[in-house]
Amino acid sequence: NTIEFTGALHATVVKQVRLKNPSNNTLTYNAILVGRDADDFSLPKGNTVTIPATKQAFVNVEFTIRFLHPAEAVLILISNKVDGIDGATLTFSLKSEVKNIEPLGTTKCKSPCYEL
């Protein structure tokens, strides 16, 4: 699965990954960000998520668009054994795209174009 972060340059985009637990046991996952631009992505609510039996939980992934080139990383969710139950390891591809560029400010200056 691919999660796309699109927005203006310098914007912060937050995406939620919904995790469902169809089993009758609680699942716990550790989230890890790896890849070329993994340092640009963050997990603001921490890297551990617990999903109660037959419920769902969300993992927030935050990204601030700092460069024009597309950023790429991978979110890996590794299950911790709870009550002897192990969940499947989950991976998500994270990609960014700059949709527009808003100026942070403008500066006016005067200078001669040519001087002898």
C-alpha atoms as a PDB file:
ATOM      1  CA  ASN A   1       0.000   0.000   0.000  1.00  0.00           C
ATOM      2  CA  THR A   2       1.192   3.526  -0.789  1.00  0.00           C
ATOM      3  CA  ILE A   3       0.388   6.585   1.314  1.00  0.00           C
ATOM      4  CA  GLU A   4       0.800   9.851  -0.590  1.00  0.00           C
ATOM      5  CA  PHE A   5       1.649  13.141   1.104  1.00  0.00           C
ATOM      6  CA  THR A   6       0.727  15.998  -1.242  1.00  0.00           C
ATOM      7  CA  GLY A   7       0.687  19.698  -0.524  1.00  0.00           C
ATOM      8  CA  ALA A   8       2.473  23.002  -0.821  1.00  0.00           C
ATOM      9  CA  LEU A   9       6.177  23.424  -0.222  1.00  0.00           C
ATOM     10  CA  HIS A  10       6.860  23.869   3.544  1.00  0.00           C
ATOM     11  CA  ALA A  11       3.412  22.516   4.463  1.00  0.00           C
ATOM     12  CA  THR A  12       3.009  19.836   7.125  1.00  0.00           C
ATOM     13  CA  VAL A  13       0.782  16.939   6.099  1.00  0.00           C
ATOM     14  CA  VAL A  14      -0.575  14.341   8.542  1.00  0.00           C
ATOM     15  CA  LYS A  15      -1.999  11.029   7.346  1.00  0.00           C
ATOM     16  CA  GLN A  16      -3.700   8.362   9.410  1.00  0.00           C
ATOM     17  CA  VAL A  17      -3.147   4.664   8.834  1.00  0.00           C
ATOM     18  CA  ARG A  18      -6.116   2.644  10.064  1.00  0.00           C
ATOM     19  CA  LEU A  19      -5.293  -0.756  11.508  1.00  0.00           C
ATOM     20  CA  LYS A  20      -8.064  -3.294  12.119  1.00  0.00           C
ATOM     21  CA  ASN A  21      -7.829  -6.230  14.470  1.00  0.00           C
ATOM     22  CA  PRO A  22     -10.300  -8.957  13.451  1.00  0.00           C
ATOM     23  CA  SER A  23      -9.030 -11.419  16.083  1.00  0.00           C
ATOM     24  CA  ASN A  24     -10.258 -11.930  19.639  1.00  0.00           C
ATOM     25  CA  ASN A  25      -6.834 -11.017  21.058  1.00  0.00           C
ATOM     26  CA  THR A  26      -5.127  -7.680  21.620  1.00  0.00           C
ATOM     27  CA  LEU A  27      -2.365  -6.843  19.130  1.00  0.00           C
ATOM     28  CA  THR A  28       0.559  -4.482  19.716  1.00  0.00           C
ATOM     29  CA  TYR A  29       2.779  -3.104  16.961  1.00  0.00           C
ATOM     30  CA  ASN A  30       6.065  -1.180  16.925  1.00  0.00           C
ATOM     31  CA  ALA A  31       6.294   1.303  14.043  1.00  0.00           C
ATOM     32  CA  ILE A  32       9.616   1.967  12.304  1.00  0.00           C
ATOM     33  CA  LEU A  33      10.359   4.449   9.505  1.00  0.00           C
ATOM     34  CA  VAL A  34      13.150   3.392   7.128  1.00  0.00           C
ATOM     35  CA  GLY A  35      14.443   4.541   3.771  1.00  0.00           C
ATOM     36  CA  ARG A  36      16.195   7.396   2.015  1.00  0.00           C
ATOM     37  CA  ASP A  37      14.031  10.173   3.491  1.00  0.00           C
ATOM     38  CA  ALA A  38      12.848   8.461   6.687  1.00  0.00           C
ATOM     39  CA  ASP A  39      14.174  11.340   8.824  1.00  0.00           C
ATOM     40  CA  ASP A  40      11.667  13.703   7.180  1.00  0.00           C
ATOM     41  CA  PHE A  41       8.699  11.614   8.353  1.00  0.00           C
ATOM     42  CA  SER A  42       7.666  11.292  11.994  1.00  0.00           C
ATOM     43  CA  LEU A  43       5.223   9.463  14.239  1.00  0.00           C
ATOM     44  CA  PRO A  44       3.879  12.238  16.519  1.00  0.00           C
ATOM     45  CA  LYS A  45       1.867   9.886  18.744  1.00  0.00           C
ATOM     46  CA  GLY A  46       4.802   7.547  19.332  1.00  0.00           C
ATOM     47  CA  ASN A  47       5.962   4.375  17.666  1.00  0.00           C
ATOM     48  CA  THR A  48       3.824   1.870  19.599  1.00  0.00           C
ATOM     49  CA  VAL A  49       0.182   1.144  18.835  1.00  0.00           C
ATOM     50  CA  THR A  50      -2.134  -1.257  20.668  1.00  0.00           C
ATOM     51  CA  ILE A  51      -5.240  -2.571  18.934  1.00  0.00           C
ATOM     52  CA  PRO A  52      -7.877  -4.110  21.220  1.00  0.00           C
ATOM     53  CA  ALA A  53      -9.646  -7.301  20.155  1.00  0.00           C
ATOM     54  CA  THR A  54     -12.076  -6.783  17.235  1.00  0.00           C
ATOM     55  CA  LYS A  55     -11.383  -3.020  17.259  1.00  0.00           C
ATOM     56  CA  GLN A  56      -9.325  -0.605  15.196  1.00  0.00           C
ATOM     57  CA  ALA A  57      -6.566   1.905  15.918  1.00  0.00           C
ATOM     58  CA  PHE A  58      -4.788   4.640  14.010  1.00  0.00           C
ATOM     59  CA  VAL A  59      -1.136   5.473  13.424  1.00  0.00           C
ATOM     60  CA  ASN A  60      -0.473   9.118  12.560  1.00  0.00           C
ATOM     61  CA  VAL A  61       2.376   9.823  10.137  1.00  0.00           C
ATOM     62  CA  GLU A  62       3.534  13.423   9.776  1.00  0.00           C
ATOM     63  CA  PHE A  63       5.607  14.906   6.964  1.00  0.00           C
ATOM     64  CA  THR A  64       6.819  18.459   6.353  1.00  0.00           C
ATOM     65  CA  ILE A  65       7.521  19.098   2.670  1.00  0.00           C
ATOM     66  CA  ARG A  66      10.982  20.709   2.652  1.00  0.00           C
ATOM     67  CA  PHE A  67      12.261  19.954  -0.862  1.00  0.00           C
ATOM     68  CA  LEU A  68      10.884  19.931  -4.398  1.00  0.00           C
ATOM     69  CA  HIS A  69      12.076  16.393  -5.083  1.00  0.00           C
ATOM     70  CA  PRO A  70       9.742  13.563  -4.027  1.00  0.00           C
ATOM     71  CA  ALA A  71      10.544  12.024  -0.646  1.00  0.00           C
ATOM     72  CA  GLU A  72      10.284   8.272  -0.114  1.00  0.00           C
ATOM     73  CA  ALA A  73      10.290   6.073   2.956  1.00  0.00           C
ATOM     74  CA  VAL A  74       8.707   2.888   4.268  1.00  0.00           C
ATOM     75  CA  LEU A  75       6.570   2.497   7.388  1.00  0.00           C
ATOM     76  CA  ILE A  76       7.042  -0.965   8.914  1.00  0.00           C
ATOM     77  CA  LEU A  77       4.731  -2.212  11.657  1.00  0.00           C
ATOM     78  CA  ILE A  78       6.201  -5.164  13.545  1.00  0.00           C
ATOM     79  CA  SER A  79       3.962  -7.119  15.892  1.00  0.00           C
ATOM     80  CA  ASN A  80       4.854  -7.723  19.539  1.00  0.00           C
ATOM     81  CA  LYS A  81       3.589 -10.923  21.100  1.00  0.00           C
ATOM     82  CA  VAL A  82       0.687 -10.277  23.455  1.00  0.00           C
ATOM     83  CA  ASP A  83      -0.939 -13.295  25.106  1.00  0.00           C
ATOM     84  CA  GLY A  84       1.174 -15.510  22.810  1.00  0.00           C
ATOM     85  CA  ILE A  85      -0.455 -14.034  19.689  1.00  0.00           C
ATOM     86  CA  ASP A  86       1.667 -12.557  16.916  1.00  0.00           C
ATOM     87  CA  GLY A  87       0.170 -10.315  14.235  1.00  0.00           C
ATOM     88  CA  ALA A  88       1.397 -10.041  10.659  1.00  0.00           C
ATOM     89  CA  THR A  89       4.149  -7.562   9.828  1.00  0.00           C
ATOM     90  CA  LEU A  90       2.697  -4.668   7.822  1.00  0.00           C
ATOM     91  CA  THR A  91       4.516  -2.333   5.405  1.00  0.00           C
ATOM     92  CA  PHE A  92       3.406   0.903   3.772  1.00  0.00           C
ATOM     93  CA  SER A  93       5.246   2.926   1.155  1.00  0.00           C
ATOM     94  CA  LEU A  94       5.344   6.673   1.930  1.00  0.00           C
ATOM     95  CA  LYS A  95       5.755   9.146  -0.950  1.00  0.00           C
ATOM     96  CA  SER A  96       5.497  12.905  -1.213  1.00  0.00           C
ATOM     97  CA  GLU A  97       4.662  15.296  -4.017  1.00  0.00           C
ATOM     98  CA  VAL A  98       4.776  19.091  -4.103  1.00  0.00           C
ATOM     99  CA  LYS A  99       1.545  20.415  -5.640  1.00  0.00           C
ATOM    100  CA  ASN A 100       2.271  24.154  -5.434  1.00  0.00           C
ATOM    101  CA  ILE A 101       4.791  26.645  -4.117  1.00  0.00           C
ATOM    102  CA  GLU A 102       3.670  29.489  -1.889  1.00  0.00           C
ATOM    103  CA  PRO A 103       6.268  32.229  -1.299  1.00  0.00           C
ATOM    104  CA  LEU A 104       7.249  32.707   2.335  1.00  0.00           C
ATOM    105  CA  GLY A 105       7.796  36.399   1.658  1.00  0.00           C
ATOM    106  CA  THR A 106       8.998  38.932  -0.912  1.00  0.00           C
ATOM    107  CA  THR A 107      11.818  41.436  -0.866  1.00  0.00           C
ATOM    108  CA  LYS A 108      12.090  44.601  -2.968  1.00  0.00           C
ATOM    109  CA  CYS A 109      15.445  46.093  -3.776  1.00  0.00           C
ATOM    110  CA  LYS A 110      16.823  48.714  -6.160  1.00  0.00           C
ATOM    111  CA  SER A 111      20.188  48.644  -7.845  1.00  0.00           C
ATOM    112  CA  PRO A 112      21.640  49.948 -11.078  1.00  0.00           C
ATOM    113  CA  CYS A 113      21.680  47.434 -13.900  1.00  0.00           C
ATOM    114  CA  TYR A 114      24.882  48.849 -15.382  1.00  0.00           C
ATOM    115  CA  GLU A 115      27.422  51.374 -14.279  1.00  0.00           C
ATOM    116  CA  LEU A 116      30.495  52.654 -16.158  1.00  0.00           C
END
